[in-house]
Amino acid sequence: MRLLKNEFFLGLLLFFLMLIDGQVSFLASILTENKIFITSHLFLLAALFYSSGRKKIISVSIFLVLGILYDFYYLNHFGIMLLI
């Protein structure tokens, strides 16, 4: 239980969920033979859970870093250019 209160561990857990979120959606679409498109929102759900009860400055800084990494991972440079 103490591990779930550790900020560093939860940051790594969010990073891991960000990486596998798209893969879970892709696997679910393949299992349904692309007839039904299922989208996994594991990262969003974990981020909402993480932000409740945490200090605002820590949450904002972690989500800022993860948001930039998310743009690079899924949208490449287009997401950063769109943001700028």
PDB file of N, CA and C in Angstrom:
ATOM      1  N   MET A   1       0.818  -1.193   0.000  1.00  0.00           N
ATOM      2  CA  MET A   1       0.000   0.000   0.000  1.00  0.00           C
ATOM      3  C   MET A   1       0.860   1.253   0.000  1.00  0.00           C
ATOM      4  N   ARG A   2       2.000   1.154   0.669  1.00  0.00           N
ATOM      5  CA  ARG A   2       2.885   2.315   0.720  1.00  0.00           C
ATOM      6  C   ARG A   2       3.452   2.632  -0.660  1.00  0.00           C
ATOM      7  N   LEU A   3       3.614   1.604  -1.498  1.00  0.00           N
ATOM      8  CA  LEU A   3       4.147   1.792  -2.842  1.00  0.00           C
ATOM      9  C   LEU A   3       3.196   2.615  -3.708  1.00  0.00           C
ATOM     10  N   LEU A   4       1.887   2.467  -3.491  1.00  0.00           N
ATOM     11  CA  LEU A   4       0.913   3.226  -4.269  1.00  0.00           C
ATOM     12  C   LEU A   4       0.893   4.708  -3.909  1.00  0.00           C
ATOM     13  N   LYS A   5       1.454   5.078  -2.769  1.00  0.00           N
ATOM     14  CA  LYS A   5       1.517   6.482  -2.376  1.00  0.00           C
ATOM     15  C   LYS A   5       2.805   7.152  -2.828  1.00  0.00           C
ATOM     16  N   ASN A   6       3.735   6.376  -3.374  1.00  0.00           N
ATOM     17  CA  ASN A   6       5.011   6.902  -3.822  1.00  0.00           C
ATOM     18  C   ASN A   6       4.826   7.635  -5.158  1.00  0.00           C
ATOM     19  N   GLU A   7       5.243   8.889  -5.219  1.00  0.00           N
ATOM     20  CA  GLU A   7       5.065   9.710  -6.427  1.00  0.00           C
ATOM     21  C   GLU A   7       5.878   9.165  -7.600  1.00  0.00           C
ATOM     22  N   PHE A   8       7.083   8.693  -7.336  1.00  0.00           N
ATOM     23  CA  PHE A   8       7.943   8.189  -8.397  1.00  0.00           C
ATOM     24  C   PHE A   8       7.357   6.926  -9.018  1.00  0.00           C
ATOM     25  N   PHE A   9       6.860   6.018  -8.187  1.00  0.00           N
ATOM     26  CA  PHE A   9       6.265   4.784  -8.692  1.00  0.00           C
ATOM     27  C   PHE A   9       5.025   5.079  -9.525  1.00  0.00           C
ATOM     28  N   LEU A  10       4.186   5.980  -9.063  1.00  0.00           N
ATOM     29  CA  LEU A  10       2.973   6.294  -9.820  1.00  0.00           C
ATOM     30  C   LEU A  10       3.297   6.994 -11.138  1.00  0.00           C
ATOM     31  N   GLY A  11       4.351   7.793 -11.157  1.00  0.00           N
ATOM     32  CA  GLY A  11       4.785   8.408 -12.416  1.00  0.00           C
ATOM     33  C   GLY A  11       5.243   7.362 -13.419  1.00  0.00           C
ATOM     34  N   LEU A  12       5.997   6.372 -12.947  1.00  0.00           N
ATOM     35  CA  LEU A  12       6.420   5.281 -13.831  1.00  0.00           C
ATOM     36  C   LEU A  12       5.235   4.432 -14.287  1.00  0.00           C
ATOM     37  N   LEU A  13       4.282   4.227 -13.404  1.00  0.00           N
ATOM     38  CA  LEU A  13       3.079   3.472 -13.771  1.00  0.00           C
ATOM     39  C   LEU A  13       2.290   4.208 -14.852  1.00  0.00           C
ATOM     40  N   LEU A  14       2.163   5.515 -14.728  1.00  0.00           N
ATOM     41  CA  LEU A  14       1.478   6.299 -15.757  1.00  0.00           C
ATOM     42  C   LEU A  14       2.227   6.235 -17.081  1.00  0.00           C
ATOM     43  N   PHE A  15       3.552   6.294 -17.033  1.00  0.00           N
ATOM     44  CA  PHE A  15       4.347   6.190 -18.259  1.00  0.00           C
ATOM     45  C   PHE A  15       4.152   4.831 -18.922  1.00  0.00           C
ATOM     46  N   PHE A  16       4.156   3.769 -18.136  1.00  0.00           N
ATOM     47  CA  PHE A  16       3.935   2.427 -18.667  1.00  0.00           C
ATOM     48  C   PHE A  16       2.537   2.298 -19.272  1.00  0.00           C
ATOM     49  N   LEU A  17       1.526   2.838 -18.600  1.00  0.00           N
ATOM     50  CA  LEU A  17       0.168   2.783 -19.135  1.00  0.00           C
ATOM     51  C   LEU A  17       0.032   3.594 -20.410  1.00  0.00           C
ATOM     52  N   MET A  18       0.785   4.693 -20.508  1.00  0.00           N
ATOM     53  CA  MET A  18       0.756   5.488 -21.728  1.00  0.00           C
ATOM     54  C   MET A  18       1.301   4.670 -22.899  1.00  0.00           C
ATOM     55  N   LEU A  19       2.331   3.880 -22.654  1.00  0.00           N
ATOM     56  CA  LEU A  19       2.938   3.093 -23.714  1.00  0.00           C
ATOM     57  C   LEU A  19       2.059   1.926 -24.158  1.00  0.00           C
ATOM     58  N   ILE A  20       1.375   1.282 -23.228  1.00  0.00           N
ATOM     59  CA  ILE A  20       0.588   0.105 -23.607  1.00  0.00           C
ATOM     60  C   ILE A  20      -0.854   0.435 -23.978  1.00  0.00           C
ATOM     61  N   ASP A  21      -1.287   1.666 -23.777  1.00  0.00           N
ATOM     62  CA  ASP A  21      -2.677   2.042 -24.053  1.00  0.00           C
ATOM     63  C   ASP A  21      -3.024   1.843 -25.531  1.00  0.00           C
ATOM     64  N   GLY A  22      -2.187   2.307 -26.404  1.00  0.00           N
ATOM     65  CA  GLY A  22      -2.430   2.135 -27.835  1.00  0.00           C
ATOM     66  C   GLY A  22      -2.328   0.689 -28.276  1.00  0.00           C
ATOM     67  N   GLN A  23      -1.452  -0.062 -27.635  1.00  0.00           N
ATOM     68  CA  GLN A  23      -1.290  -1.466 -27.994  1.00  0.00           C
ATOM     69  C   GLN A  23      -2.510  -2.286 -27.591  1.00  0.00           C
ATOM     70  N   VAL A  24      -3.109  -1.963 -26.454  1.00  0.00           N
ATOM     71  CA  VAL A  24      -4.320  -2.659 -26.011  1.00  0.00           C
ATOM     72  C   VAL A  24      -5.475  -2.359 -26.969  1.00  0.00           C
ATOM     73  N   SER A  25      -5.591  -1.116 -27.410  1.00  0.00           N
ATOM     74  CA  SER A  25      -6.628  -0.756 -28.383  1.00  0.00           C
ATOM     75  C   SER A  25      -6.426  -1.496 -29.696  1.00  0.00           C
ATOM     76  N   PHE A  26      -5.177  -1.581 -30.155  1.00  0.00           N
ATOM     77  CA  PHE A  26      -4.869  -2.283 -31.393  1.00  0.00           C
ATOM     78  C   PHE A  26      -5.189  -3.770 -31.274  1.00  0.00           C
ATOM     79  N   LEU A  27      -4.839  -4.374 -30.156  1.00  0.00           N
ATOM     80  CA  LEU A  27      -5.119  -5.793 -29.939  1.00  0.00           C
ATOM     81  C   LEU A  27      -6.625  -6.056 -29.892  1.00  0.00           C
ATOM     82  N   ALA A  28      -7.365  -5.170 -29.255  1.00  0.00           N
ATOM     83  CA  ALA A  28      -8.821  -5.347 -29.183  1.00  0.00           C
ATOM     84  C   ALA A  28      -9.453  -5.218 -30.567  1.00  0.00           C
ATOM     85  N   SER A  29      -8.927  -4.331 -31.394  1.00  0.00           N
ATOM     86  CA  SER A  29      -9.449  -4.197 -32.758  1.00  0.00           C
ATOM     87  C   SER A  29      -9.134  -5.422 -33.597  1.00  0.00           C
ATOM     88  N   ILE A  30      -7.958  -5.989 -33.416  1.00  0.00           N
ATOM     89  CA  ILE A  30      -7.595  -7.190 -34.172  1.00  0.00           C
ATOM     90  C   ILE A  30      -8.454  -8.381 -33.737  1.00  0.00           C
ATOM     91  N   LEU A  31      -8.723  -8.485 -32.441  1.00  0.00           N
ATOM     92  CA  LEU A  31      -9.537  -9.603 -31.953  1.00  0.00           C
ATOM     93  C   LEU A  31     -10.968  -9.547 -32.478  1.00  0.00           C
ATOM     94  N   THR A  32     -11.455  -8.351 -32.772  1.00  0.00           N
ATOM     95  CA  THR A  32     -12.803  -8.212 -33.337  1.00  0.00           C
ATOM     96  C   THR A  32     -12.766  -8.147 -34.858  1.00  0.00           C
ATOM     97  N   GLU A  33     -11.606  -8.458 -35.454  1.00  0.00           N
ATOM     98  CA  GLU A  33     -11.402  -8.484 -36.904  1.00  0.00           C
ATOM     99  C   GLU A  33     -11.741  -7.150 -37.554  1.00  0.00           C
ATOM    100  N   ASN A  34     -11.437  -6.064 -36.884  1.00  0.00           N
ATOM    101  CA  ASN A  34     -11.635  -4.685 -37.365  1.00  0.00           C
ATOM    102  C   ASN A  34     -13.092  -4.357 -37.707  1.00  0.00           C
ATOM    103  N   LYS A  35     -14.030  -5.113 -37.152  1.00  0.00           N
ATOM    104  CA  LYS A  35     -15.440  -4.785 -37.328  1.00  0.00           C
ATOM    105  C   LYS A  35     -15.903  -3.806 -36.262  1.00  0.00           C
ATOM    106  N   ILE A  36     -15.314  -3.898 -35.096  1.00  0.00           N
ATOM    107  CA  ILE A  36     -15.614  -2.986 -33.989  1.00  0.00           C
ATOM    108  C   ILE A  36     -14.298  -2.364 -33.554  1.00  0.00           C
ATOM    109  N   PHE A  37     -14.258  -1.051 -33.472  1.00  0.00           N
ATOM    110  CA  PHE A  37     -13.053  -0.371 -33.031  1.00  0.00           C
ATOM    111  C   PHE A  37     -13.184  -0.024 -31.556  1.00  0.00           C
ATOM    112  N   ILE A  38     -12.392  -0.685 -30.752  1.00  0.00           N
ATOM    113  CA  ILE A  38     -12.419  -0.483 -29.309  1.00  0.00           C
ATOM    114  C   ILE A  38     -11.226   0.372 -28.931  1.00  0.00           C
ATOM    115  N   THR A  39     -11.479   1.402 -28.145  1.00  0.00           N
ATOM    116  CA  THR A  39     -10.414   2.289 -27.713  1.00  0.00           C
ATOM    117  C   THR A  39     -10.216   2.127 -26.216  1.00  0.00           C
ATOM    118  N   SER A  40      -8.979   1.895 -25.842  1.00  0.00           N
ATOM    119  CA  SER A  40      -8.637   1.754 -24.435  1.00  0.00           C
ATOM    120  C   SER A  40      -8.241   3.116 -23.880  1.00  0.00           C
ATOM    121  N   HIS A  41      -8.748   3.448 -22.735  1.00  0.00           N
ATOM    122  CA  HIS A  41      -8.430   4.722 -22.092  1.00  0.00           C
ATOM    123  C   HIS A  41      -7.782   4.473 -20.724  1.00  0.00           C
ATOM    124  N   LEU A  42      -6.856   3.528 -20.675  1.00  0.00           N
ATOM    125  CA  LEU A  42      -6.199   3.208 -19.411  1.00  0.00           C
ATOM    126  C   LEU A  42      -5.409   4.395 -18.869  1.00  0.00           C
ATOM    127  N   PHE A  43      -4.711   5.080 -19.748  1.00  0.00           N
ATOM    128  CA  PHE A  43      -3.895   6.222 -19.332  1.00  0.00           C
ATOM    129  C   PHE A  43      -4.775   7.341 -18.775  1.00  0.00           C
ATOM    130  N   LEU A  44      -5.874   7.620 -19.432  1.00  0.00           N
ATOM    131  CA  LEU A  44      -6.780   8.680 -18.964  1.00  0.00           C
ATOM    132  C   LEU A  44      -7.385   8.327 -17.609  1.00  0.00           C
ATOM    133  N   LEU A  45      -7.818   7.092 -17.440  1.00  0.00           N
ATOM    134  CA  LEU A  45      -8.401   6.684 -16.167  1.00  0.00           C
ATOM    135  C   LEU A  45      -7.376   6.726 -15.037  1.00  0.00           C
ATOM    136  N   ALA A  46      -6.168   6.266 -15.326  1.00  0.00           N
ATOM    137  CA  ALA A  46      -5.122   6.298 -14.302  1.00  0.00           C
ATOM    138  C   ALA A  46      -4.728   7.735 -13.976  1.00  0.00           C
ATOM    139  N   ALA A  47      -4.722   8.613 -14.973  1.00  0.00           N
ATOM    140  CA  ALA A  47      -4.388  10.016 -14.735  1.00  0.00           C
ATOM    141  C   ALA A  47      -5.449  10.695 -13.865  1.00  0.00           C
ATOM    142  N   LEU A  48      -6.707  10.381 -14.093  1.00  0.00           N
ATOM    143  CA  LEU A  48      -7.771  10.945 -13.254  1.00  0.00           C
ATOM    144  C   LEU A  48      -7.661  10.437 -11.819  1.00  0.00           C
ATOM    145  N   PHE A  49      -7.355   9.160 -11.667  1.00  0.00           N
ATOM    146  CA  PHE A  49      -7.170   8.596 -10.339  1.00  0.00           C
ATOM    147  C   PHE A  49      -5.954   9.209  -9.653  1.00  0.00           C
ATOM    148  N   TYR A  50      -4.897   9.407 -10.414  1.00  0.00           N
ATOM    149  CA  TYR A  50      -3.649   9.939  -9.869  1.00  0.00           C
ATOM    150  C   TYR A  50      -3.819  11.385  -9.405  1.00  0.00           C
ATOM    151  N   SER A  51      -4.556  12.178 -10.170  1.00  0.00           N
ATOM    152  CA  SER A  51      -4.643  13.610  -9.869  1.00  0.00           C
ATOM    153  C   SER A  51      -5.499  13.914  -8.646  1.00  0.00           C
ATOM    154  N   SER A  52      -6.379  13.006  -8.275  1.00  0.00           N
ATOM    155  CA  SER A  52      -7.204  13.268  -7.101  1.00  0.00           C
ATOM    156  C   SER A  52      -6.398  12.997  -5.835  1.00  0.00           C
ATOM    157  N   GLY A  53      -6.317  13.981  -4.999  1.00  0.00           N
ATOM    158  CA  GLY A  53      -5.616  13.819  -3.736  1.00  0.00           C
ATOM    159  C   GLY A  53      -4.131  14.069  -3.793  1.00  0.00           C
ATOM    160  N   ARG A  54      -3.628  14.600  -4.878  1.00  0.00           N
ATOM    161  CA  ARG A  54      -2.204  14.914  -5.000  1.00  0.00           C
ATOM    162  C   ARG A  54      -2.022  16.426  -5.007  1.00  0.00           C
ATOM    163  N   LYS A  55      -0.791  16.851  -4.760  1.00  0.00           N
ATOM    164  CA  LYS A  55      -0.491  18.270  -4.845  1.00  0.00           C
ATOM    165  C   LYS A  55      -0.597  18.719  -6.297  1.00  0.00           C
ATOM    166  N   LYS A  56      -1.137  19.904  -6.483  1.00  0.00           N
ATOM    167  CA  LYS A  56      -1.406  20.388  -7.831  1.00  0.00           C
ATOM    168  C   LYS A  56      -0.125  20.574  -8.633  1.00  0.00           C
ATOM    169  N   ILE A  57       0.922  21.091  -8.035  1.00  0.00           N
ATOM    170  CA  ILE A  57       2.160  21.357  -8.761  1.00  0.00           C
ATOM    171  C   ILE A  57       2.820  20.066  -9.223  1.00  0.00           C
ATOM    172  N   ILE A  58       2.737  19.004  -8.426  1.00  0.00           N
ATOM    173  CA  ILE A  58       3.318  17.716  -8.815  1.00  0.00           C
ATOM    174  C   ILE A  58       2.518  17.103  -9.960  1.00  0.00           C
ATOM    175  N   SER A  59       1.193  17.165  -9.860  1.00  0.00           N
ATOM    176  CA  SER A  59       0.347  16.615 -10.919  1.00  0.00           C
ATOM    177  C   SER A  59       0.560  17.350 -12.234  1.00  0.00           C
ATOM    178  N   VAL A  60       0.600  18.670 -12.183  1.00  0.00           N
ATOM    179  CA  VAL A  60       0.770  19.456 -13.404  1.00  0.00           C
ATOM    180  C   VAL A  60       2.129  19.181 -14.047  1.00  0.00           C
ATOM    181  N   SER A  61       3.172  19.089 -13.241  1.00  0.00           N
ATOM    182  CA  SER A  61       4.497  18.850 -13.813  1.00  0.00           C
ATOM    183  C   SER A  61       4.612  17.454 -14.418  1.00  0.00           C
ATOM    184  N   ILE A  62       4.054  16.451 -13.768  1.00  0.00           N
ATOM    185  CA  ILE A  62       4.100  15.089 -14.320  1.00  0.00           C
ATOM    186  C   ILE A  62       3.269  14.999 -15.588  1.00  0.00           C
ATOM    187  N   PHE A  63       2.087  15.614 -15.602  1.00  0.00           N
ATOM    188  CA  PHE A  63       1.248  15.544 -16.789  1.00  0.00           C
ATOM    189  C   PHE A  63       1.796  16.384 -17.934  1.00  0.00           C
ATOM    190  N   LEU A  64       2.538  17.424 -17.642  1.00  0.00           N
ATOM    191  CA  LEU A  64       3.187  18.203 -18.686  1.00  0.00           C
ATOM    192  C   LEU A  64       4.259  17.366 -19.386  1.00  0.00           C
ATOM    193  N   VAL A  65       5.084  16.690 -18.604  1.00  0.00           N
ATOM    194  CA  VAL A  65       6.123  15.831 -19.182  1.00  0.00           C
ATOM    195  C   VAL A  65       5.497  14.662 -19.940  1.00  0.00           C
ATOM    196  N   LEU A  66       4.509  14.015 -19.350  1.00  0.00           N
ATOM    197  CA  LEU A  66       3.860  12.887 -20.030  1.00  0.00           C
ATOM    198  C   LEU A  66       3.087  13.339 -21.261  1.00  0.00           C
ATOM    199  N   GLY A  67       2.530  14.534 -21.243  1.00  0.00           N
ATOM    200  CA  GLY A  67       1.825  15.060 -22.409  1.00  0.00           C
ATOM    201  C   GLY A  67       2.767  15.304 -23.576  1.00  0.00           C
ATOM    202  N   ILE A  68       3.939  15.836 -23.297  1.00  0.00           N
ATOM    203  CA  ILE A  68       4.933  16.042 -24.363  1.00  0.00           C
ATOM    204  C   ILE A  68       5.405  14.698 -24.916  1.00  0.00           C
ATOM    205  N   LEU A  69       5.664  13.731 -24.036  1.00  0.00           N
ATOM    206  CA  LEU A  69       6.057  12.397 -24.489  1.00  0.00           C
ATOM    207  C   LEU A  69       4.943  11.721 -25.278  1.00  0.00           C
ATOM    208  N   TYR A  70       3.697  11.935 -24.875  1.00  0.00           N
ATOM    209  CA  TYR A  70       2.543  11.362 -25.573  1.00  0.00           C
ATOM    210  C   TYR A  70       2.452  11.916 -26.989  1.00  0.00           C
ATOM    211  N   ASP A  71       2.680  13.225 -27.138  1.00  0.00           N
ATOM    212  CA  ASP A  71       2.669  13.829 -28.470  1.00  0.00           C
ATOM    213  C   ASP A  71       3.773  13.259 -29.347  1.00  0.00           C
ATOM    214  N   PHE A  72       4.967  13.120 -28.803  1.00  0.00           N
ATOM    215  CA  PHE A  72       6.057  12.550 -29.586  1.00  0.00           C
ATOM    216  C   PHE A  72       5.788  11.102 -29.959  1.00  0.00           C
ATOM    217  N   TYR A  73       5.189  10.356 -29.066  1.00  0.00           N
ATOM    218  CA  TYR A  73       4.973   8.926 -29.297  1.00  0.00           C
ATOM    219  C   TYR A  73       3.875   8.672 -30.319  1.00  0.00           C
ATOM    220  N   TYR A  74       2.763   9.396 -30.228  1.00  0.00           N
ATOM    221  CA  TYR A  74       1.637   9.124 -31.105  1.00  0.00           C
ATOM    222  C   TYR A  74       1.549  10.060 -32.308  1.00  0.00           C
ATOM    223  N   LEU A  75       1.901  11.311 -32.170  1.00  0.00           N
ATOM    224  CA  LEU A  75       1.736  12.272 -33.255  1.00  0.00           C
ATOM    225  C   LEU A  75       3.053  12.740 -33.853  1.00  0.00           C
ATOM    226  N   ASN A  76       4.157  12.228 -33.362  1.00  0.00           N
ATOM    227  CA  ASN A  76       5.494  12.626 -33.806  1.00  0.00           C
ATOM    228  C   ASN A  76       5.659  14.130 -33.661  1.00  0.00           C
ATOM    229  N   HIS A  77       6.260  14.768 -34.606  1.00  0.00           N
ATOM    230  CA  HIS A  77       6.526  16.205 -34.490  1.00  0.00           C
ATOM    231  C   HIS A  77       5.289  17.040 -34.823  1.00  0.00           C
ATOM    232  N   PHE A  78       4.298  16.442 -35.449  1.00  0.00           N
ATOM    233  CA  PHE A  78       3.096  17.187 -35.812  1.00  0.00           C
ATOM    234  C   PHE A  78       2.368  17.695 -34.579  1.00  0.00           C
ATOM    235  N   GLY A  79       2.292  16.889 -33.536  1.00  0.00           N
ATOM    236  CA  GLY A  79       1.612  17.307 -32.307  1.00  0.00           C
ATOM    237  C   GLY A  79       2.308  18.472 -31.639  1.00  0.00           C
ATOM    238  N   ILE A  80       3.644  18.469 -31.627  1.00  0.00           N
ATOM    239  CA  ILE A  80       4.392  19.573 -31.022  1.00  0.00           C
ATOM    240  C   ILE A  80       4.259  20.821 -31.872  1.00  0.00           C
ATOM    241  N   MET A  81       4.306  20.689 -33.183  1.00  0.00           N
ATOM    242  CA  MET A  81       4.149  21.853 -34.064  1.00  0.00           C
ATOM    243  C   MET A  81       2.752  22.441 -33.924  1.00  0.00           C
ATOM    244  N   LEU A  82       1.752  21.589 -33.778  1.00  0.00           N
ATOM    245  CA  LEU A  82       0.377  22.057 -33.608  1.00  0.00           C
ATOM    246  C   LEU A  82       0.224  22.798 -32.289  1.00  0.00           C
ATOM    247  N   LEU A  83       0.898  22.317 -31.249  1.00  0.00           N
ATOM    248  CA  LEU A  83       0.846  22.965 -29.956  1.00  0.00           C
ATOM    249  C   LEU A  83       1.521  24.334 -29.999  1.00  0.00           C
ATOM    250  N   ILE A  84       2.639  24.429 -30.675  1.00  0.00           N
ATOM    251  CA  ILE A  84       3.375  25.698 -30.759  1.00  0.00           C
ATOM    252  C   ILE A  84       2.618  26.665 -31.620  1.00  0.00           C
TER     253      ILE A  84
END
